[in-house]
Amino acid sequence: MFKISKLSTAIALHLEVLHYSSIVRDKKKFEKNKELFNTKEFENIKLNIQKNNLELSLVERITKYVQKAKPELLIMFTNKEKGFFESMFMPSKSAELTYTTKVPVLVFSK
């Protein structure tokens, strides 16, 4: 998250972080992360929490949002902790979005 904060400050970007709510396992950690958006370092970044629609896949939800909001850039965070079989049978959502949206995608590893 701090990577995009530095990026937004360096080139004066106004960013929006899209988060789909789901069952939160660690509510304290989630609330702490939410509070970051009220600090000076994150003043150019808006947190947008959307209700999770389980009828659509994550890629479909993000694609729908991109069509509506028309952002100039999509920034995603990816988990690199996948094993061989996970990467074979659970492909990257970031990679899939690069094909389904007509918006440039910047991917950061967590």
PDB file of N, CA and C in Angstrom:
ATOM      1  N   MET A   1       0.816  -1.186   0.000  1.00  0.00           N
ATOM      2  CA  MET A   1       0.000   0.000   0.000  1.00  0.00           C
ATOM      3  C   MET A   1       0.866   1.259   0.000  1.00  0.00           C
ATOM      4  N   PHE A   2       1.993   1.176   0.694  1.00  0.00           N
ATOM      5  CA  PHE A   2       2.867   2.338   0.756  1.00  0.00           C
ATOM      6  C   PHE A   2       3.508   2.629  -0.597  1.00  0.00           C
ATOM      7  N   LYS A   3       3.605   1.600  -1.447  1.00  0.00           N
ATOM      8  CA  LYS A   3       4.163   1.794  -2.783  1.00  0.00           C
ATOM      9  C   LYS A   3       3.281   2.741  -3.591  1.00  0.00           C
ATOM     10  N   ILE A   4       1.966   2.557  -3.514  1.00  0.00           N
ATOM     11  CA  ILE A   4       1.090   3.442  -4.281  1.00  0.00           C
ATOM     12  C   ILE A   4       1.001   4.822  -3.644  1.00  0.00           C
ATOM     13  N   SER A   5       1.184   4.887  -2.330  1.00  0.00           N
ATOM     14  CA  SER A   5       1.206   6.185  -1.665  1.00  0.00           C
ATOM     15  C   SER A   5       2.383   7.013  -2.163  1.00  0.00           C
ATOM     16  N   LYS A   6       3.547   6.389  -2.251  1.00  0.00           N
ATOM     17  CA  LYS A   6       4.734   7.081  -2.758  1.00  0.00           C
ATOM     18  C   LYS A   6       4.548   7.461  -4.224  1.00  0.00           C
ATOM     19  N   LEU A   7       3.946   6.580  -5.002  1.00  0.00           N
ATOM     20  CA  LEU A   7       3.688   6.853  -6.404  1.00  0.00           C
ATOM     21  C   LEU A   7       2.741   8.032  -6.569  1.00  0.00           C
ATOM     22  N   SER A   8       1.674   8.076  -5.795  1.00  0.00           N
ATOM     23  CA  SER A   8       0.702   9.169  -5.910  1.00  0.00           C
ATOM     24  C   SER A   8       1.305  10.500  -5.493  1.00  0.00           C
ATOM     25  N   THR A   9       2.191  10.481  -4.507  1.00  0.00           N
ATOM     26  CA  THR A   9       2.848  11.708  -4.060  1.00  0.00           C
ATOM     27  C   THR A   9       3.879  12.178  -5.084  1.00  0.00           C
ATOM     28  N   ALA A  10       4.646  11.245  -5.630  1.00  0.00           N
ATOM     29  CA  ALA A  10       5.722  11.589  -6.558  1.00  0.00           C
ATOM     30  C   ALA A  10       5.213  12.237  -7.841  1.00  0.00           C
ATOM     31  N   ILE A  11       4.096  11.760  -8.356  1.00  0.00           N
ATOM     32  CA  ILE A  11       3.605  12.323  -9.618  1.00  0.00           C
ATOM     33  C   ILE A  11       2.205  12.924  -9.485  1.00  0.00           C
ATOM     34  N   ALA A  12       1.842  13.303  -8.283  1.00  0.00           N
ATOM     35  CA  ALA A  12       0.589  14.018  -7.988  1.00  0.00           C
ATOM     36  C   ALA A  12      -0.636  13.337  -8.603  1.00  0.00           C
ATOM     37  N   LEU A  13      -0.807  12.070  -8.301  1.00  0.00           N
ATOM     38  CA  LEU A  13      -1.966  11.310  -8.769  1.00  0.00           C
ATOM     39  C   LEU A  13      -3.057  11.314  -7.707  1.00  0.00           C
ATOM     40  N   HIS A  14      -4.284  11.300  -8.153  1.00  0.00           N
ATOM     41  CA  HIS A  14      -5.409  11.057  -7.257  1.00  0.00           C
ATOM     42  C   HIS A  14      -5.860   9.633  -7.525  1.00  0.00           C
ATOM     43  N   LEU A  15      -5.761   8.791  -6.507  1.00  0.00           N
ATOM     44  CA  LEU A  15      -6.042   7.367  -6.670  1.00  0.00           C
ATOM     45  C   LEU A  15      -7.270   6.954  -5.878  1.00  0.00           C
ATOM     46  N   GLU A  16      -7.851   5.861  -6.318  1.00  0.00           N
ATOM     47  CA  GLU A  16      -8.975   5.264  -5.612  1.00  0.00           C
ATOM     48  C   GLU A  16      -8.659   3.793  -5.410  1.00  0.00           C
ATOM     49  N   VAL A  17      -8.740   3.332  -4.175  1.00  0.00           N
ATOM     50  CA  VAL A  17      -8.514   1.930  -3.859  1.00  0.00           C
ATOM     51  C   VAL A  17      -9.873   1.258  -3.765  1.00  0.00           C
ATOM     52  N   LEU A  18     -10.042   0.227  -4.570  1.00  0.00           N
ATOM     53  CA  LEU A  18     -11.291  -0.518  -4.605  1.00  0.00           C
ATOM     54  C   LEU A  18     -11.116  -1.785  -3.782  1.00  0.00           C
ATOM     55  N   HIS A  19     -11.971  -1.943  -2.788  1.00  0.00           N
ATOM     56  CA  HIS A  19     -11.917  -3.129  -1.924  1.00  0.00           C
ATOM     57  C   HIS A  19     -13.297  -3.758  -1.891  1.00  0.00           C
ATOM     58  N   TYR A  20     -13.350  -5.052  -2.201  1.00  0.00           N
ATOM     59  CA  TYR A  20     -14.614  -5.768  -2.114  1.00  0.00           C
ATOM     60  C   TYR A  20     -14.702  -6.415  -0.744  1.00  0.00           C
ATOM     61  N   SER A  21     -15.733  -6.024   0.005  1.00  0.00           N
ATOM     62  CA  SER A  21     -15.884  -6.539   1.364  1.00  0.00           C
ATOM     63  C   SER A  21     -16.262  -8.004   1.331  1.00  0.00           C
ATOM     64  N   SER A  22     -15.753  -8.708   2.288  1.00  0.00           N
ATOM     65  CA  SER A  22     -16.059 -10.121   2.448  1.00  0.00           C
ATOM     66  C   SER A  22     -15.953 -10.427   3.933  1.00  0.00           C
ATOM     67  N   ILE A  23     -15.909 -11.669   4.265  1.00  0.00           N
ATOM     68  CA  ILE A  23     -15.729 -12.032   5.663  1.00  0.00           C
ATOM     69  C   ILE A  23     -14.315 -11.626   6.060  1.00  0.00           C
ATOM     70  N   VAL A  24     -14.224 -10.744   7.042  1.00  0.00           N
ATOM     71  CA  VAL A  24     -12.919 -10.261   7.487  1.00  0.00           C
ATOM     72  C   VAL A  24     -12.436 -11.154   8.610  1.00  0.00           C
ATOM     73  N   ARG A  25     -11.290 -11.800   8.373  1.00  0.00           N
ATOM     74  CA  ARG A  25     -10.750 -12.709   9.382  1.00  0.00           C
ATOM     75  C   ARG A  25     -10.098 -11.948  10.521  1.00  0.00           C
ATOM     76  N   ASP A  26      -9.386 -10.892  10.197  1.00  0.00           N
ATOM     77  CA  ASP A  26      -8.687 -10.107  11.205  1.00  0.00           C
ATOM     78  C   ASP A  26      -9.226  -8.682  11.162  1.00  0.00           C
ATOM     79  N   LYS A  27     -10.303  -8.458  11.906  1.00  0.00           N
ATOM     80  CA  LYS A  27     -11.003  -7.173  11.863  1.00  0.00           C
ATOM     81  C   LYS A  27     -10.112  -6.026  12.342  1.00  0.00           C
ATOM     82  N   LYS A  28      -9.278  -6.251  13.359  1.00  0.00           N
ATOM     83  CA  LYS A  28      -8.392  -5.195  13.865  1.00  0.00           C
ATOM     84  C   LYS A  28      -7.405  -4.760  12.796  1.00  0.00           C
ATOM     85  N   LYS A  29      -6.844  -5.716  12.085  1.00  0.00           N
ATOM     86  CA  LYS A  29      -5.894  -5.402  11.011  1.00  0.00           C
ATOM     87  C   LYS A  29      -6.591  -4.626   9.897  1.00  0.00           C
ATOM     88  N   PHE A  30      -7.815  -5.048   9.553  1.00  0.00           N
ATOM     89  CA  PHE A  30      -8.579  -4.353   8.512  1.00  0.00           C
ATOM     90  C   PHE A  30      -8.865  -2.912   8.921  1.00  0.00           C
ATOM     91  N   GLU A  31      -9.294  -2.707  10.170  1.00  0.00           N
ATOM     92  CA  GLU A  31      -9.598  -1.357  10.651  1.00  0.00           C
ATOM     93  C   GLU A  31      -8.341  -0.489  10.681  1.00  0.00           C
ATOM     94  N   LYS A  32      -7.210  -1.071  11.072  1.00  0.00           N
ATOM     95  CA  LYS A  32      -5.943  -0.340  11.091  1.00  0.00           C
ATOM     96  C   LYS A  32      -5.563   0.106   9.677  1.00  0.00           C
ATOM     97  N   ASN A  33      -5.714  -0.803   8.714  1.00  0.00           N
ATOM     98  CA  ASN A  33      -5.424  -0.461   7.322  1.00  0.00           C
ATOM     99  C   ASN A  33      -6.385   0.602   6.801  1.00  0.00           C
ATOM    100  N   LYS A  34      -7.636   0.526   7.220  1.00  0.00           N
ATOM    101  CA  LYS A  34      -8.635   1.521   6.822  1.00  0.00           C
ATOM    102  C   LYS A  34      -8.259   2.911   7.343  1.00  0.00           C
ATOM    103  N   GLU A  35      -7.729   2.960   8.560  1.00  0.00           N
ATOM    104  CA  GLU A  35      -7.329   4.232   9.180  1.00  0.00           C
ATOM    105  C   GLU A  35      -6.167   4.901   8.445  1.00  0.00           C
ATOM    106  N   LEU A  36      -5.354   4.114   7.732  1.00  0.00           N
ATOM    107  CA  LEU A  36      -4.245   4.678   6.958  1.00  0.00           C
ATOM    108  C   LEU A  36      -4.727   5.733   5.972  1.00  0.00           C
ATOM    109  N   PHE A  37      -5.914   5.546   5.456  1.00  0.00           N
ATOM    110  CA  PHE A  37      -6.438   6.460   4.438  1.00  0.00           C
ATOM    111  C   PHE A  37      -6.811   7.824   5.009  1.00  0.00           C
ATOM    112  N   ASN A  38      -6.783   7.971   6.304  1.00  0.00           N
ATOM    113  CA  ASN A  38      -7.045   9.265   6.938  1.00  0.00           C
ATOM    114  C   ASN A  38      -5.762  10.002   7.286  1.00  0.00           C
ATOM    115  N   THR A  39      -4.608   9.448   6.931  1.00  0.00           N
ATOM    116  CA  THR A  39      -3.332  10.098   7.230  1.00  0.00           C
ATOM    117  C   THR A  39      -2.890  10.973   6.057  1.00  0.00           C
ATOM    118  N   LYS A  40      -1.951  11.869   6.338  1.00  0.00           N
ATOM    119  CA  LYS A  40      -1.449  12.789   5.317  1.00  0.00           C
ATOM    120  C   LYS A  40      -0.807  12.043   4.143  1.00  0.00           C
ATOM    121  N   GLU A  41      -0.135  10.959   4.451  1.00  0.00           N
ATOM    122  CA  GLU A  41       0.547  10.186   3.414  1.00  0.00           C
ATOM    123  C   GLU A  41      -0.432   9.626   2.373  1.00  0.00           C
ATOM    124  N   PHE A  42      -1.673   9.435   2.766  1.00  0.00           N
ATOM    125  CA  PHE A  42      -2.680   8.861   1.880  1.00  0.00           C
ATOM    126  C   PHE A  42      -3.753   9.876   1.487  1.00  0.00           C
ATOM    127  N   GLU A  43      -3.437  11.166   1.573  1.00  0.00           N
ATOM    128  CA  GLU A  43      -4.450  12.184   1.308  1.00  0.00           C
ATOM    129  C   GLU A  43      -4.943  12.197  -0.141  1.00  0.00           C
ATOM    130  N   ASN A  44      -4.152  11.723  -1.082  1.00  0.00           N
ATOM    131  CA  ASN A  44      -4.565  11.673  -2.486  1.00  0.00           C
ATOM    132  C   ASN A  44      -5.196  10.338  -2.864  1.00  0.00           C
ATOM    133  N   ILE A  45      -5.452   9.497  -1.864  1.00  0.00           N
ATOM    134  CA  ILE A  45      -5.976   8.155  -2.132  1.00  0.00           C
ATOM    135  C   ILE A  45      -7.309   7.977  -1.399  1.00  0.00           C
ATOM    136  N   LYS A  46      -8.322   7.621  -2.158  1.00  0.00           N
ATOM    137  CA  LYS A  46      -9.661   7.408  -1.603  1.00  0.00           C
ATOM    138  C   LYS A  46      -9.918   5.911  -1.487  1.00  0.00           C
ATOM    139  N   LEU A  47     -10.459   5.477  -0.377  1.00  0.00           N
ATOM    140  CA  LEU A  47     -10.828   4.076  -0.181  1.00  0.00           C
ATOM    141  C   LEU A  47     -12.288   3.895  -0.572  1.00  0.00           C
ATOM    142  N   ASN A  48     -12.532   2.986  -1.492  1.00  0.00           N
ATOM    143  CA  ASN A  48     -13.875   2.695  -1.972  1.00  0.00           C
ATOM    144  C   ASN A  48     -14.182   1.237  -1.640  1.00  0.00           C
ATOM    145  N   ILE A  49     -15.038   1.018  -0.657  1.00  0.00           N
ATOM    146  CA  ILE A  49     -15.398  -0.338  -0.244  1.00  0.00           C
ATOM    147  C   ILE A  49     -16.724  -0.701  -0.910  1.00  0.00           C
ATOM    148  N   GLN A  50     -16.687  -1.757  -1.700  1.00  0.00           N
ATOM    149  CA  GLN A  50     -17.868  -2.220  -2.426  1.00  0.00           C
ATOM    150  C   GLN A  50     -18.388  -3.506  -1.798  1.00  0.00           C
ATOM    151  N   LYS A  51     -19.688  -3.694  -1.865  1.00  0.00           N
ATOM    152  CA  LYS A  51     -20.287  -4.931  -1.382  1.00  0.00           C
ATOM    153  C   LYS A  51     -19.891  -6.058  -2.324  1.00  0.00           C
ATOM    154  N   ASN A  52     -19.541  -7.188  -1.754  1.00  0.00           N
ATOM    155  CA  ASN A  52     -19.103  -8.341  -2.526  1.00  0.00           C
ATOM    156  C   ASN A  52     -20.304  -9.031  -3.159  1.00  0.00           C
ATOM    157  N   ASN A  53     -20.327  -9.098  -4.484  1.00  0.00           N
ATOM    158  CA  ASN A  53     -21.391  -9.784  -5.218  1.00  0.00           C
ATOM    159  C   ASN A  53     -20.863 -11.155  -5.617  1.00  0.00           C
ATOM    160  N   LEU A  54     -21.297 -12.180  -4.923  1.00  0.00           N
ATOM    161  CA  LEU A  54     -20.771 -13.524  -5.150  1.00  0.00           C
ATOM    162  C   LEU A  54     -21.244 -14.154  -6.455  1.00  0.00           C
ATOM    163  N   GLU A  55     -22.199 -13.507  -7.117  1.00  0.00           N
ATOM    164  CA  GLU A  55     -22.671 -14.032  -8.395  1.00  0.00           C
ATOM    165  C   GLU A  55     -21.658 -13.779  -9.507  1.00  0.00           C
ATOM    166  N   LEU A  56     -20.782 -12.799  -9.308  1.00  0.00           N
ATOM    167  CA  LEU A  56     -19.772 -12.453 -10.303  1.00  0.00           C
ATOM    168  C   LEU A  56     -18.388 -12.808  -9.779  1.00  0.00           C
ATOM    169  N   SER A  57     -17.506 -13.190 -10.690  1.00  0.00           N
ATOM    170  CA  SER A  57     -16.124 -13.452 -10.285  1.00  0.00           C
ATOM    171  C   SER A  57     -15.435 -12.117  -9.993  1.00  0.00           C
ATOM    172  N   LEU A  58     -14.283 -12.179  -9.351  1.00  0.00           N
ATOM    173  CA  LEU A  58     -13.525 -10.961  -9.056  1.00  0.00           C
ATOM    174  C   LEU A  58     -13.199 -10.211 -10.341  1.00  0.00           C
ATOM    175  N   VAL A  59     -12.796 -10.932 -11.366  1.00  0.00           N
ATOM    176  CA  VAL A  59     -12.454 -10.297 -12.649  1.00  0.00           C
ATOM    177  C   VAL A  59     -13.679  -9.602 -13.241  1.00  0.00           C
ATOM    178  N   GLU A  60     -14.837 -10.251 -13.170  1.00  0.00           N
ATOM    179  CA  GLU A  60     -16.076  -9.646 -13.689  1.00  0.00           C
ATOM    180  C   GLU A  60     -16.458  -8.397 -12.904  1.00  0.00           C
ATOM    181  N   ARG A  61     -16.299  -8.441 -11.580  1.00  0.00           N
ATOM    182  CA  ARG A  61     -16.631  -7.274 -10.750  1.00  0.00           C
ATOM    183  C   ARG A  61     -15.725  -6.101 -11.069  1.00  0.00           C
ATOM    184  N   ILE A  62     -14.420  -6.371 -11.183  1.00  0.00           N
ATOM    185  CA  ILE A  62     -13.474  -5.294 -11.478  1.00  0.00           C
ATOM    186  C   ILE A  62     -13.699  -4.765 -12.884  1.00  0.00           C
ATOM    187  N   THR A  63     -13.936  -5.645 -13.848  1.00  0.00           N
ATOM    188  CA  THR A  63     -14.198  -5.213 -15.224  1.00  0.00           C
ATOM    189  C   THR A  63     -15.434  -4.317 -15.286  1.00  0.00           C
ATOM    190  N   LYS A  64     -16.473  -4.699 -14.579  1.00  0.00           N
ATOM    191  CA  LYS A  64     -17.705  -3.897 -14.531  1.00  0.00           C
ATOM    192  C   LYS A  64     -17.422  -2.516 -13.918  1.00  0.00           C
ATOM    193  N   TYR A  65     -16.648  -2.502 -12.833  1.00  0.00           N
ATOM    194  CA  TYR A  65     -16.312  -1.237 -12.189  1.00  0.00           C
ATOM    195  C   TYR A  65     -15.469  -0.346 -13.109  1.00  0.00           C
ATOM    196  N   VAL A  66     -14.508  -0.945 -13.813  1.00  0.00           N
ATOM    197  CA  VAL A  66     -13.639  -0.203 -14.731  1.00  0.00           C
ATOM    198  C   VAL A  66     -14.467   0.420 -15.857  1.00  0.00           C
ATOM    199  N   GLN A  67     -15.441  -0.321 -16.370  1.00  0.00           N
ATOM    200  CA  GLN A  67     -16.300   0.210 -17.426  1.00  0.00           C
ATOM    201  C   GLN A  67     -17.104   1.411 -16.934  1.00  0.00           C
ATOM    202  N   LYS A  68     -17.505   1.375 -15.672  1.00  0.00           N
ATOM    203  CA  LYS A  68     -18.304   2.459 -15.096  1.00  0.00           C
ATOM    204  C   LYS A  68     -17.434   3.662 -14.721  1.00  0.00           C
ATOM    205  N   ALA A  69     -16.318   3.422 -14.037  1.00  0.00           N
ATOM    206  CA  ALA A  69     -15.492   4.508 -13.506  1.00  0.00           C
ATOM    207  C   ALA A  69     -14.508   5.078 -14.529  1.00  0.00           C
ATOM    208  N   LYS A  70     -14.150   4.302 -15.538  1.00  0.00           N
ATOM    209  CA  LYS A  70     -13.215   4.696 -16.592  1.00  0.00           C
ATOM    210  C   LYS A  70     -11.882   5.247 -16.061  1.00  0.00           C
ATOM    211  N   PRO A  71     -11.170   4.430 -15.256  1.00  0.00           N
ATOM    212  CA  PRO A  71      -9.871   4.890 -14.745  1.00  0.00           C
ATOM    213  C   PRO A  71      -8.826   4.889 -15.860  1.00  0.00           C
ATOM    214  N   GLU A  72      -7.765   5.639 -15.649  1.00  0.00           N
ATOM    215  CA  GLU A  72      -6.682   5.684 -16.621  1.00  0.00           C
ATOM    216  C   GLU A  72      -5.656   4.572 -16.381  1.00  0.00           C
ATOM    217  N   LEU A  73      -5.640   4.031 -15.163  1.00  0.00           N
ATOM    218  CA  LEU A  73      -4.679   3.002 -14.794  1.00  0.00           C
ATOM    219  C   LEU A  73      -5.289   2.116 -13.723  1.00  0.00           C
ATOM    220  N   LEU A  74      -5.029   0.830 -13.805  1.00  0.00           N
ATOM    221  CA  LEU A  74      -5.488  -0.131 -12.803  1.00  0.00           C
ATOM    222  C   LEU A  74      -4.256  -0.686 -12.107  1.00  0.00           C
ATOM    223  N   ILE A  75      -4.197  -0.526 -10.794  1.00  0.00           N
ATOM    224  CA  ILE A  75      -3.069  -1.034 -10.007  1.00  0.00           C
ATOM    225  C   ILE A  75      -3.579  -2.199  -9.172  1.00  0.00           C
ATOM    226  N   MET A  76      -2.867  -3.319  -9.247  1.00  0.00           N
ATOM    227  CA  MET A  76      -3.284  -4.502  -8.491  1.00  0.00           C
ATOM    228  C   MET A  76      -2.136  -5.012  -7.644  1.00  0.00           C
ATOM    229  N   PHE A  77      -2.498  -5.691  -6.572  1.00  0.00           N
ATOM    230  CA  PHE A  77      -1.522  -6.341  -5.703  1.00  0.00           C
ATOM    231  C   PHE A  77      -1.728  -7.835  -5.829  1.00  0.00           C
ATOM    232  N   THR A  78      -0.630  -8.568  -5.947  1.00  0.00           N
ATOM    233  CA  THR A  78      -0.724 -10.008  -6.145  1.00  0.00           C
ATOM    234  C   THR A  78       0.066 -10.744  -5.073  1.00  0.00           C
ATOM    235  N   ASN A  79      -0.395 -11.936  -4.764  1.00  0.00           N
ATOM    236  CA  ASN A  79       0.288 -12.811  -3.815  1.00  0.00           C
ATOM    237  C   ASN A  79       1.190 -13.745  -4.589  1.00  0.00           C
ATOM    238  N   LYS A  80       2.463 -13.741  -4.300  1.00  0.00           N
ATOM    239  CA  LYS A  80       3.389 -14.631  -5.007  1.00  0.00           C
ATOM    240  C   LYS A  80       3.586 -15.945  -4.259  1.00  0.00           C
ATOM    241  N   GLU A  81       2.827 -16.206  -3.250  1.00  0.00           N
ATOM    242  CA  GLU A  81       3.013 -17.396  -2.435  1.00  0.00           C
ATOM    243  C   GLU A  81       2.226 -18.591  -2.960  1.00  0.00           C
ATOM    244  N   LYS A  82       2.087 -18.692  -4.270  1.00  0.00           N
ATOM    245  CA  LYS A  82       1.383 -19.831  -4.852  1.00  0.00           C
ATOM    246  C   LYS A  82       2.379 -20.939  -5.165  1.00  0.00           C
ATOM    247  N   GLY A  83       1.950 -22.155  -4.916  1.00  0.00           N
ATOM    248  CA  GLY A  83       2.759 -23.309  -5.288  1.00  0.00           C
ATOM    249  C   GLY A  83       2.533 -23.657  -6.751  1.00  0.00           C
ATOM    250  N   PHE A  84       3.204 -24.686  -7.221  1.00  0.00           N
ATOM    251  CA  PHE A  84       3.124 -25.090  -8.623  1.00  0.00           C
ATOM    252  C   PHE A  84       1.686 -25.415  -9.041  1.00  0.00           C
ATOM    253  N   PHE A  85       1.004 -26.268  -8.259  1.00  0.00           N
ATOM    254  CA  PHE A  85      -0.344 -26.684  -8.633  1.00  0.00           C
ATOM    255  C   PHE A  85      -1.343 -25.532  -8.518  1.00  0.00           C
ATOM    256  N   GLU A  86      -1.165 -24.663  -7.515  1.00  0.00           N
ATOM    257  CA  GLU A  86      -2.041 -23.498  -7.385  1.00  0.00           C
ATOM    258  C   GLU A  86      -1.916 -22.594  -8.603  1.00  0.00           C
ATOM    259  N   SER A  87      -0.679 -22.375  -9.052  1.00  0.00           N
ATOM    260  CA  SER A  87      -0.493 -21.507 -10.207  1.00  0.00           C
ATOM    261  C   SER A  87      -1.018 -22.146 -11.491  1.00  0.00           C
ATOM    262  N   MET A  88      -1.054 -23.477 -11.548  1.00  0.00           N
ATOM    263  CA  MET A  88      -1.587 -24.166 -12.722  1.00  0.00           C
ATOM    264  C   MET A  88      -3.112 -24.131 -12.768  1.00  0.00           C
ATOM    265  N   PHE A  89      -3.749 -24.329 -11.602  1.00  0.00           N
ATOM    266  CA  PHE A  89      -5.201 -24.444 -11.577  1.00  0.00           C
ATOM    267  C   PHE A  89      -5.923 -23.201 -11.083  1.00  0.00           C
ATOM    268  N   MET A  90      -5.199 -22.246 -10.546  1.00  0.00           N
ATOM    269  CA  MET A  90      -5.773 -20.983 -10.086  1.00  0.00           C
ATOM    270  C   MET A  90      -4.967 -19.835 -10.708  1.00  0.00           C
ATOM    271  N   PRO A  91      -5.253 -19.510 -11.963  1.00  0.00           N
ATOM    272  CA  PRO A  91      -4.443 -18.498 -12.650  1.00  0.00           C
ATOM    273  C   PRO A  91      -4.579 -17.122 -12.005  1.00  0.00           C
ATOM    274  N   SER A  92      -3.622 -16.284 -12.302  1.00  0.00           N
ATOM    275  CA  SER A  92      -3.567 -14.942 -11.751  1.00  0.00           C
ATOM    276  C   SER A  92      -4.731 -14.082 -12.234  1.00  0.00           C
ATOM    277  N   LYS A  93      -5.407 -13.424 -11.308  1.00  0.00           N
ATOM    278  CA  LYS A  93      -6.493 -12.504 -11.662  1.00  0.00           C
ATOM    279  C   LYS A  93      -5.920 -11.274 -12.352  1.00  0.00           C
ATOM    280  N   SER A  94      -4.720 -10.865 -11.936  1.00  0.00           N
ATOM    281  CA  SER A  94      -4.073  -9.706 -12.549  1.00  0.00           C
ATOM    282  C   SER A  94      -3.806  -9.958 -14.023  1.00  0.00           C
ATOM    283  N   ALA A  95      -3.291 -11.140 -14.332  1.00  0.00           N
ATOM    284  CA  ALA A  95      -3.011 -11.484 -15.722  1.00  0.00           C
ATOM    285  C   ALA A  95      -4.305 -11.536 -16.532  1.00  0.00           C
ATOM    286  N   GLU A  96      -5.340 -12.086 -15.940  1.00  0.00           N
ATOM    287  CA  GLU A  96      -6.631 -12.170 -16.627  1.00  0.00           C
ATOM    288  C   GLU A  96      -7.196 -10.782 -16.920  1.00  0.00           C
ATOM    289  N   LEU A  97      -7.033  -9.857 -15.969  1.00  0.00           N
ATOM    290  CA  LEU A  97      -7.540  -8.499 -16.167  1.00  0.00           C
ATOM    291  C   LEU A  97      -6.798  -7.743 -17.263  1.00  0.00           C
ATOM    292  N   THR A  98      -5.539  -8.066 -17.479  1.00  0.00           N
ATOM    293  CA  THR A  98      -4.806  -7.388 -18.549  1.00  0.00           C
ATOM    294  C   THR A  98      -5.415  -7.710 -19.909  1.00  0.00           C
ATOM    295  N   TYR A  99      -6.115  -8.849 -20.006  1.00  0.00           N
ATOM    296  CA  TYR A  99      -6.759  -9.223 -21.264  1.00  0.00           C
ATOM    297  C   TYR A  99      -8.205  -8.748 -21.356  1.00  0.00           C
ATOM    298  N   THR A 100      -8.887  -8.590 -20.230  1.00  0.00           N
ATOM    299  CA  THR A 100     -10.315  -8.264 -20.267  1.00  0.00           C
ATOM    300  C   THR A 100     -10.617  -6.774 -20.200  1.00  0.00           C
ATOM    301  N   THR A 101      -9.700  -5.973 -19.679  1.00  0.00           N
ATOM    302  CA  THR A 101      -9.942  -4.532 -19.617  1.00  0.00           C
ATOM    303  C   THR A 101      -9.086  -3.834 -20.675  1.00  0.00           C
ATOM    304  N   LYS A 102      -9.501  -2.662 -21.041  1.00  0.00           N
ATOM    305  CA  LYS A 102      -8.746  -1.887 -22.032  1.00  0.00           C
ATOM    306  C   LYS A 102      -7.970  -0.780 -21.316  1.00  0.00           C
ATOM    307  N   VAL A 103      -7.611  -1.053 -20.078  1.00  0.00           N
ATOM    308  CA  VAL A 103      -6.899  -0.098 -19.225  1.00  0.00           C
ATOM    309  C   VAL A 103      -5.541  -0.691 -18.884  1.00  0.00           C
ATOM    310  N   PRO A 104      -4.479   0.104 -18.898  1.00  0.00           N
ATOM    311  CA  PRO A 104      -3.177  -0.427 -18.479  1.00  0.00           C
ATOM    312  C   PRO A 104      -3.233  -0.937 -17.037  1.00  0.00           C
ATOM    313  N   VAL A 105      -2.533  -2.030 -16.769  1.00  0.00           N
ATOM    314  CA  VAL A 105      -2.536  -2.644 -15.437  1.00  0.00           C
ATOM    315  C   VAL A 105      -1.109  -2.648 -14.890  1.00  0.00           C
ATOM    316  N   LEU A 106      -0.938  -2.093 -13.697  1.00  0.00           N
ATOM    317  CA  LEU A 106       0.327  -2.090 -12.989  1.00  0.00           C
ATOM    318  C   LEU A 106       0.186  -3.070 -11.824  1.00  0.00           C
ATOM    319  N   VAL A 107       1.083  -4.067 -11.748  1.00  0.00           N
ATOM    320  CA  VAL A 107       0.953  -5.108 -10.731  1.00  0.00           C
ATOM    321  C   VAL A 107       2.121  -5.033  -9.754  1.00  0.00           C
ATOM    322  N   PHE A 108       1.795  -4.971  -8.459  1.00  0.00           N
ATOM    323  CA  PHE A 108       2.774  -5.003  -7.378  1.00  0.00           C
ATOM    324  C   PHE A 108       2.629  -6.319  -6.645  1.00  0.00           C
ATOM    325  N   SER A 109       3.735  -6.899  -6.201  1.00  0.00           N
ATOM    326  CA  SER A 109       3.618  -8.080  -5.346  1.00  0.00           C
ATOM    327  C   SER A 109       3.500  -7.600  -3.898  1.00  0.00           C
ATOM    328  N   LYS A 110       2.748  -8.346  -3.105  1.00  0.00           N
ATOM    329  CA  LYS A 110       2.548  -7.987  -1.697  1.00  0.00           C
ATOM    330  C   LYS A 110       3.795  -8.259  -0.914  1.00  0.00           C
TER     331      LYS A 110
END
